[in-house]
Amino acid sequence: MIGRHGRGAAKTIFTPPAKLLIKLGVSPNWVTVVGALATSAVALTLFPLGYLWPGALALGALVLVDALDGTMARLAGSETKWGGFLDSTLDRVSDAAIFGGLIIYLVRQHDTWGAVAGIVALGLGAVVPYARAKAEALGLIATIGIAERGDRLLVALTTAGVVGLGAPRLVLTISLALLGVASAVTVCQRAYVVYRQSKNAPEATGAK
């Protein structure tokens, strides 16, 4: 939901730096890789050590910059299937690092329920983009949902930052649990729209 509404603003904000990087000869794919590596390094270092507020702030900036590579590719007219695959795949790596960092933090705090909520949020959150990708592979559309990637990251990073500033750790546990529920709802929404579309679509193989 937030991701769809924020694309226009992201385009306006990142167009100037994207043009500059293109002039400097920087590849969009290079930006994608560096961004994912930086995100993973920050999430798996600061969060486990308990630096929630600095980690959330740094990761929030890196997540915003994640839109830069796509803007560069569009401006340069260099959008490719490889670039799209790389960006989507490394987004999953970044997500796993962010939620994994929070889970490690909660484990180190001996917060069993918080860690379980984080694992559920991570696992179901990974199914959300898979459902869309599988639908598109079958020639269908499944972009509906209450918890897109941007929504999940915004909630996780905001609550992590709030806890880092002194709020009870329970706030993070509850937010992760709600993200798990929201992700499950999103998967169900996408499954439903795919089911409706498949009623009028040719049968496709179910092979994995």
C-alpha atoms as a PDB file:
ATOM      1  CA  MET A   1       0.000   0.000   0.000  1.00  0.00           C
ATOM      2  CA  ILE A   2       2.666   2.507   1.059  1.00  0.00           C
ATOM      3  CA  GLY A   3       4.992   1.251  -1.647  1.00  0.00           C
ATOM      4  CA  ARG A   4       2.512   2.066  -4.411  1.00  0.00           C
ATOM      5  CA  HIS A   5       1.838   5.588  -3.137  1.00  0.00           C
ATOM      6  CA  GLY A   6       5.498   6.325  -2.536  1.00  0.00           C
ATOM      7  CA  ARG A   7       6.769   5.558  -6.023  1.00  0.00           C
ATOM      8  CA  GLY A   8       5.940   9.012  -7.378  1.00  0.00           C
ATOM      9  CA  ALA A   9       7.777  10.736  -4.542  1.00  0.00           C
ATOM     10  CA  ALA A  10      10.752   8.377  -4.913  1.00  0.00           C
ATOM     11  CA  LYS A  11      10.965   9.182  -8.612  1.00  0.00           C
ATOM     12  CA  THR A  12      11.099  12.917  -7.873  1.00  0.00           C
ATOM     13  CA  ILE A  13      13.668  12.584  -5.093  1.00  0.00           C
ATOM     14  CA  PHE A  14      16.058  10.172  -6.795  1.00  0.00           C
ATOM     15  CA  THR A  15      16.020  11.483 -10.358  1.00  0.00           C
ATOM     16  CA  PRO A  16      18.809  14.098  -9.800  1.00  0.00           C
ATOM     17  CA  PRO A  17      21.278  11.700  -8.081  1.00  0.00           C
ATOM     18  CA  ALA A  18      20.366   8.974 -10.590  1.00  0.00           C
ATOM     19  CA  LYS A  19      21.272  11.283 -13.485  1.00  0.00           C
ATOM     20  CA  LEU A  20      24.564  12.150 -11.792  1.00  0.00           C
ATOM     21  CA  LEU A  21      25.523   8.504 -11.286  1.00  0.00           C
ATOM     22  CA  ILE A  22      24.663   7.713 -14.902  1.00  0.00           C
ATOM     23  CA  LYS A  23      26.946  10.536 -16.062  1.00  0.00           C
ATOM     24  CA  LEU A  24      29.705   9.084 -13.876  1.00  0.00           C
ATOM     25  CA  GLY A  25      29.272   5.739 -15.605  1.00  0.00           C
ATOM     26  CA  VAL A  26      27.892   3.879 -12.594  1.00  0.00           C
ATOM     27  CA  SER A  27      25.821   0.786 -13.444  1.00  0.00           C
ATOM     28  CA  PRO A  28      22.335   0.378 -11.880  1.00  0.00           C
ATOM     29  CA  ASN A  29      23.196  -3.251 -11.134  1.00  0.00           C
ATOM     30  CA  TRP A  30      26.300  -2.134  -9.259  1.00  0.00           C
ATOM     31  CA  VAL A  31      24.121   0.138  -7.104  1.00  0.00           C
ATOM     32  CA  THR A  32      21.777  -2.806  -6.466  1.00  0.00           C
ATOM     33  CA  VAL A  33      24.594  -5.071  -5.278  1.00  0.00           C
ATOM     34  CA  VAL A  34      26.296  -2.427  -3.121  1.00  0.00           C
ATOM     35  CA  GLY A  35      22.975  -1.467  -1.541  1.00  0.00           C
ATOM     36  CA  ALA A  36      22.146  -5.065  -0.629  1.00  0.00           C
ATOM     37  CA  LEU A  37      25.617  -5.669   0.818  1.00  0.00           C
ATOM     38  CA  ALA A  38      25.462  -2.463   2.869  1.00  0.00           C
ATOM     39  CA  THR A  39      21.972  -3.255   4.136  1.00  0.00           C
ATOM     40  CA  SER A  40      22.968  -6.777   5.150  1.00  0.00           C
ATOM     41  CA  ALA A  41      26.144  -5.605   6.874  1.00  0.00           C
ATOM     42  CA  VAL A  42      24.354  -2.914   8.888  1.00  0.00           C
ATOM     43  CA  ALA A  43      21.390  -5.121   9.842  1.00  0.00           C
ATOM     44  CA  LEU A  44      23.517  -8.069  10.927  1.00  0.00           C
ATOM     45  CA  THR A  45      25.924  -5.895  12.878  1.00  0.00           C
ATOM     46  CA  LEU A  46      23.980  -3.126  14.604  1.00  0.00           C
ATOM     47  CA  PHE A  47      20.749  -4.948  15.417  1.00  0.00           C
ATOM     48  CA  PRO A  48      22.321  -8.011  17.089  1.00  0.00           C
ATOM     49  CA  LEU A  49      24.529  -5.712  19.182  1.00  0.00           C
ATOM     50  CA  GLY A  50      21.452  -3.829  20.412  1.00  0.00           C
ATOM     51  CA  TYR A  51      21.995  -0.601  18.467  1.00  0.00           C
ATOM     52  CA  LEU A  52      18.363  -0.487  17.360  1.00  0.00           C
ATOM     53  CA  TRP A  53      17.946   3.249  16.860  1.00  0.00           C
ATOM     54  CA  PRO A  54      21.147   3.820  14.832  1.00  0.00           C
ATOM     55  CA  GLY A  55      20.465   0.619  12.915  1.00  0.00           C
ATOM     56  CA  ALA A  56      16.890   1.587  12.069  1.00  0.00           C
ATOM     57  CA  LEU A  57      18.002   5.043  10.955  1.00  0.00           C
ATOM     58  CA  ALA A  58      20.792   3.729   8.740  1.00  0.00           C
ATOM     59  CA  LEU A  59      18.632   0.989   7.268  1.00  0.00           C
ATOM     60  CA  GLY A  60      15.789   3.426   6.630  1.00  0.00           C
ATOM     61  CA  ALA A  61      18.164   5.506   4.513  1.00  0.00           C
ATOM     62  CA  LEU A  62      19.446   2.434   2.685  1.00  0.00           C
ATOM     63  CA  VAL A  63      15.919   1.185   1.983  1.00  0.00           C
ATOM     64  CA  LEU A  64      15.031   4.563   0.493  1.00  0.00           C
ATOM     65  CA  VAL A  65      18.122   4.476  -1.703  1.00  0.00           C
ATOM     66  CA  ASP A  66      16.935   1.059  -2.918  1.00  0.00           C
ATOM     67  CA  ALA A  67      14.751   2.973  -5.378  1.00  0.00           C
ATOM     68  CA  LEU A  68      17.816   4.586  -6.935  1.00  0.00           C
ATOM     69  CA  ASP A  69      18.851   1.663  -9.136  1.00  0.00           C
ATOM     70  CA  GLY A  70      15.408   1.381 -10.719  1.00  0.00           C
ATOM     71  CA  THR A  71      15.340   5.116 -11.416  1.00  0.00           C
ATOM     72  CA  MET A  72      18.783   4.891 -13.011  1.00  0.00           C
ATOM     73  CA  ALA A  73      17.736   1.985 -15.234  1.00  0.00           C
ATOM     74  CA  ARG A  74      14.633   3.819 -16.434  1.00  0.00           C
ATOM     75  CA  LEU A  75      16.503   7.036 -17.162  1.00  0.00           C
ATOM     76  CA  ALA A  76      19.271   5.218 -19.021  1.00  0.00           C
ATOM     77  CA  GLY A  77      16.815   3.007 -20.893  1.00  0.00           C
ATOM     78  CA  SER A  78      18.731  -0.014 -19.611  1.00  0.00           C
ATOM     79  CA  GLU A  79      15.965  -1.977 -17.886  1.00  0.00           C
ATOM     80  CA  THR A  80      16.665  -5.670 -18.462  1.00  0.00           C
ATOM     81  CA  LYS A  81      15.293  -8.984 -17.260  1.00  0.00           C
ATOM     82  CA  TRP A  82      18.619  -9.648 -15.551  1.00  0.00           C
ATOM     83  CA  GLY A  83      18.436  -6.320 -13.708  1.00  0.00           C
ATOM     84  CA  GLY A  84      14.895  -7.034 -12.571  1.00  0.00           C
ATOM     85  CA  PHE A  85      15.846 -10.517 -11.400  1.00  0.00           C
ATOM     86  CA  LEU A  86      18.920  -9.239  -9.555  1.00  0.00           C
ATOM     87  CA  ASP A  87      16.999  -6.446  -7.837  1.00  0.00           C
ATOM     88  CA  SER A  88      14.163  -8.729  -6.729  1.00  0.00           C
ATOM     89  CA  THR A  89      16.513 -11.458  -5.509  1.00  0.00           C
ATOM     90  CA  LEU A  90      18.738  -9.095  -3.529  1.00  0.00           C
ATOM     91  CA  ASP A  91      15.634  -7.471  -2.005  1.00  0.00           C
ATOM     92  CA  ARG A  92      14.904 -10.857  -0.459  1.00  0.00           C
ATOM     93  CA  VAL A  93      18.474 -11.025   0.856  1.00  0.00           C
ATOM     94  CA  SER A  94      18.152  -7.553   2.386  1.00  0.00           C
ATOM     95  CA  ASP A  95      14.795  -8.414   3.977  1.00  0.00           C
ATOM     96  CA  ALA A  96      16.226 -11.600   5.451  1.00  0.00           C
ATOM     97  CA  ALA A  97      19.164  -9.654   6.899  1.00  0.00           C
ATOM     98  CA  ILE A  98      16.921  -7.003   8.480  1.00  0.00           C
ATOM     99  CA  PHE A  99      14.499  -9.426  10.091  1.00  0.00           C
ATOM    100  CA  GLY A 100      17.310 -11.854  10.855  1.00  0.00           C
ATOM    101  CA  GLY A 101      19.187  -9.104  12.679  1.00  0.00           C
ATOM    102  CA  LEU A 102      16.116  -8.348  14.785  1.00  0.00           C
ATOM    103  CA  ILE A 103      15.619 -12.045  15.536  1.00  0.00           C
ATOM    104  CA  ILE A 104      19.229 -12.394  16.685  1.00  0.00           C
ATOM    105  CA  TYR A 105      18.776  -9.336  18.899  1.00  0.00           C
ATOM    106  CA  LEU A 106      15.647 -10.825  20.470  1.00  0.00           C
ATOM    107  CA  VAL A 107      17.367 -14.179  21.009  1.00  0.00           C
ATOM    108  CA  ARG A 108      20.274 -12.413  22.718  1.00  0.00           C
ATOM    109  CA  GLN A 109      17.716 -10.704  24.949  1.00  0.00           C
ATOM    110  CA  HIS A 110      16.226 -14.114  25.796  1.00  0.00           C
ATOM    111  CA  ASP A 111      12.917 -12.936  24.325  1.00  0.00           C
ATOM    112  CA  THR A 112      11.533 -16.239  23.050  1.00  0.00           C
ATOM    113  CA  TRP A 113       8.144 -14.913  21.955  1.00  0.00           C
ATOM    114  CA  GLY A 114       9.745 -11.969  20.196  1.00  0.00           C
ATOM    115  CA  ALA A 115      12.105 -14.275  18.310  1.00  0.00           C
ATOM    116  CA  VAL A 116       9.214 -16.541  17.316  1.00  0.00           C
ATOM    117  CA  ALA A 117       7.231 -13.528  16.083  1.00  0.00           C
ATOM    118  CA  GLY A 118      10.259 -12.423  14.069  1.00  0.00           C
ATOM    119  CA  ILE A 119      10.656 -15.852  12.473  1.00  0.00           C
ATOM    120  CA  VAL A 120       6.974 -15.902  11.529  1.00  0.00           C
ATOM    121  CA  ALA A 121       7.183 -12.379  10.077  1.00  0.00           C
ATOM    122  CA  LEU A 122      10.293 -13.317   8.105  1.00  0.00           C
ATOM    123  CA  GLY A 123       8.875 -16.581   6.793  1.00  0.00           C
ATOM    124  CA  LEU A 124       5.434 -15.313   5.779  1.00  0.00           C
ATOM    125  CA  GLY A 125       6.936 -12.092   4.461  1.00  0.00           C
ATOM    126  CA  ALA A 126       9.035 -14.159   2.056  1.00  0.00           C
ATOM    127  CA  VAL A 127       5.910 -15.897   0.750  1.00  0.00           C
ATOM    128  CA  VAL A 128       4.317 -12.569  -0.254  1.00  0.00           C
ATOM    129  CA  PRO A 129       6.702 -11.797  -3.165  1.00  0.00           C
ATOM    130  CA  TYR A 130       6.837 -15.490  -4.075  1.00  0.00           C
ATOM    131  CA  ALA A 131       3.063 -15.533  -4.556  1.00  0.00           C
ATOM    132  CA  ARG A 132       3.319 -12.564  -6.905  1.00  0.00           C
ATOM    133  CA  ALA A 133       6.257 -14.030  -8.823  1.00  0.00           C
ATOM    134  CA  LYS A 134       4.536 -17.406  -9.248  1.00  0.00           C
ATOM    135  CA  ALA A 135       1.353 -15.723 -10.449  1.00  0.00           C
ATOM    136  CA  GLU A 136       3.280 -13.694 -13.014  1.00  0.00           C
ATOM    137  CA  ALA A 137       5.095 -16.837 -14.166  1.00  0.00           C
ATOM    138  CA  LEU A 138       1.655 -18.306 -14.887  1.00  0.00           C
ATOM    139  CA  GLY A 139       0.619 -15.195 -16.800  1.00  0.00           C
ATOM    140  CA  LEU A 140      -1.594 -13.873 -14.002  1.00  0.00           C
ATOM    141  CA  ILE A 141      -1.496 -10.769 -11.780  1.00  0.00           C
ATOM    142  CA  ALA A 142      -1.232 -10.752  -7.984  1.00  0.00           C
ATOM    143  CA  THR A 143      -0.181  -7.312  -6.816  1.00  0.00           C
ATOM    144  CA  ILE A 144      -2.982  -6.864  -4.294  1.00  0.00           C
ATOM    145  CA  GLY A 145      -2.245  -6.937  -0.559  1.00  0.00           C
ATOM    146  CA  ILE A 146      -2.222  -4.999   2.694  1.00  0.00           C
ATOM    147  CA  ALA A 147       1.439  -5.714   3.463  1.00  0.00           C
ATOM    148  CA  GLU A 148       3.808  -5.038   0.603  1.00  0.00           C
ATOM    149  CA  ARG A 149       7.563  -4.918   1.147  1.00  0.00           C
ATOM    150  CA  GLY A 150       7.620  -1.205   1.891  1.00  0.00           C
ATOM    151  CA  ASP A 151       4.866  -1.577   4.473  1.00  0.00           C
ATOM    152  CA  ARG A 152       6.646  -4.412   6.263  1.00  0.00           C
ATOM    153  CA  LEU A 153       9.991  -2.643   6.375  1.00  0.00           C
ATOM    154  CA  LEU A 154       8.456   0.636   7.531  1.00  0.00           C
ATOM    155  CA  VAL A 155       6.729  -1.041  10.473  1.00  0.00           C
ATOM    156  CA  ALA A 156       9.733  -3.171  11.433  1.00  0.00           C
ATOM    157  CA  LEU A 157      12.269  -0.340  11.278  1.00  0.00           C
ATOM    158  CA  THR A 158      10.006   2.212  12.957  1.00  0.00           C
ATOM    159  CA  THR A 159       9.222  -0.033  15.906  1.00  0.00           C
ATOM    160  CA  ALA A 160      12.864  -1.116  16.192  1.00  0.00           C
ATOM    161  CA  GLY A 161      13.868   2.538  16.361  1.00  0.00           C
ATOM    162  CA  VAL A 162      11.185   3.312  18.935  1.00  0.00           C
ATOM    163  CA  VAL A 163      12.346   0.433  21.130  1.00  0.00           C
ATOM    164  CA  GLY A 164      15.899   1.623  20.700  1.00  0.00           C
ATOM    165  CA  LEU A 165      14.833   4.990  22.074  1.00  0.00           C
ATOM    166  CA  GLY A 166      13.422   3.416  25.219  1.00  0.00           C
ATOM    167  CA  ALA A 167      10.019   1.924  24.448  1.00  0.00           C
ATOM    168  CA  PRO A 168       9.282  -1.538  25.921  1.00  0.00           C
ATOM    169  CA  ARG A 169      10.669  -4.429  23.865  1.00  0.00           C
ATOM    170  CA  LEU A 170       7.118  -5.787  23.780  1.00  0.00           C
ATOM    171  CA  VAL A 171       6.331  -3.121  21.169  1.00  0.00           C
ATOM    172  CA  LEU A 172       8.729  -4.815  18.762  1.00  0.00           C
ATOM    173  CA  THR A 173       7.339  -8.258  19.531  1.00  0.00           C
ATOM    174  CA  ILE A 174       3.765  -7.121  18.890  1.00  0.00           C
ATOM    175  CA  SER A 175       4.689  -5.354  15.658  1.00  0.00           C
ATOM    176  CA  LEU A 176       6.483  -8.445  14.342  1.00  0.00           C
ATOM    177  CA  ALA A 177       3.486 -10.604  15.240  1.00  0.00           C
ATOM    178  CA  LEU A 178       1.157  -8.202  13.435  1.00  0.00           C
ATOM    179  CA  LEU A 179       3.456  -8.228  10.408  1.00  0.00           C
ATOM    180  CA  GLY A 180       3.177 -12.006  10.359  1.00  0.00           C
ATOM    181  CA  VAL A 181      -0.620 -11.755  10.400  1.00  0.00           C
ATOM    182  CA  ALA A 182      -0.637  -9.025   7.740  1.00  0.00           C
ATOM    183  CA  SER A 183       1.669 -11.084   5.521  1.00  0.00           C
ATOM    184  CA  ALA A 184      -0.615 -14.111   5.887  1.00  0.00           C
ATOM    185  CA  VAL A 185      -3.605 -11.965   4.912  1.00  0.00           C
ATOM    186  CA  THR A 186      -1.710 -10.641   1.890  1.00  0.00           C
ATOM    187  CA  VAL A 187      -0.843 -14.162   0.750  1.00  0.00           C
ATOM    188  CA  CYS A 188      -4.506 -15.133   1.065  1.00  0.00           C
ATOM    189  CA  GLN A 189      -5.560 -12.045  -0.890  1.00  0.00           C
ATOM    190  CA  ARG A 190      -3.153 -12.903  -3.683  1.00  0.00           C
ATOM    191  CA  ALA A 191      -4.182 -16.550  -3.684  1.00  0.00           C
ATOM    192  CA  TYR A 192      -7.805 -15.470  -4.020  1.00  0.00           C
ATOM    193  CA  VAL A 193      -7.235 -13.125  -6.965  1.00  0.00           C
ATOM    194  CA  VAL A 194      -5.112 -15.773  -8.703  1.00  0.00           C
ATOM    195  CA  TYR A 195      -7.881 -18.318  -8.151  1.00  0.00           C
ATOM    196  CA  ARG A 196     -10.435 -15.923  -9.658  1.00  0.00           C
ATOM    197  CA  GLN A 197      -8.217 -15.218 -12.654  1.00  0.00           C
ATOM    198  CA  SER A 198      -7.407 -18.888 -13.171  1.00  0.00           C
ATOM    199  CA  LYS A 199     -11.097 -19.668 -13.611  1.00  0.00           C
ATOM    200  CA  ASN A 200     -10.918 -17.857 -16.957  1.00  0.00           C
ATOM    201  CA  ALA A 201      -7.326 -18.728 -17.857  1.00  0.00           C
ATOM    202  CA  PRO A 202      -5.869 -21.793 -19.640  1.00  0.00           C
ATOM    203  CA  GLU A 203      -4.618 -24.528 -17.351  1.00  0.00           C
ATOM    204  CA  ALA A 204      -0.902 -24.257 -16.545  1.00  0.00           C
ATOM    205  CA  THR A 205       1.500 -26.812 -15.144  1.00  0.00           C
ATOM    206  CA  GLY A 206       1.794 -27.093 -11.381  1.00  0.00           C
ATOM    207  CA  ALA A 207       5.397 -28.304 -11.527  1.00  0.00           C
ATOM    208  CA  LYS A 208       7.815 -26.622  -9.143  1.00  0.00           C
END
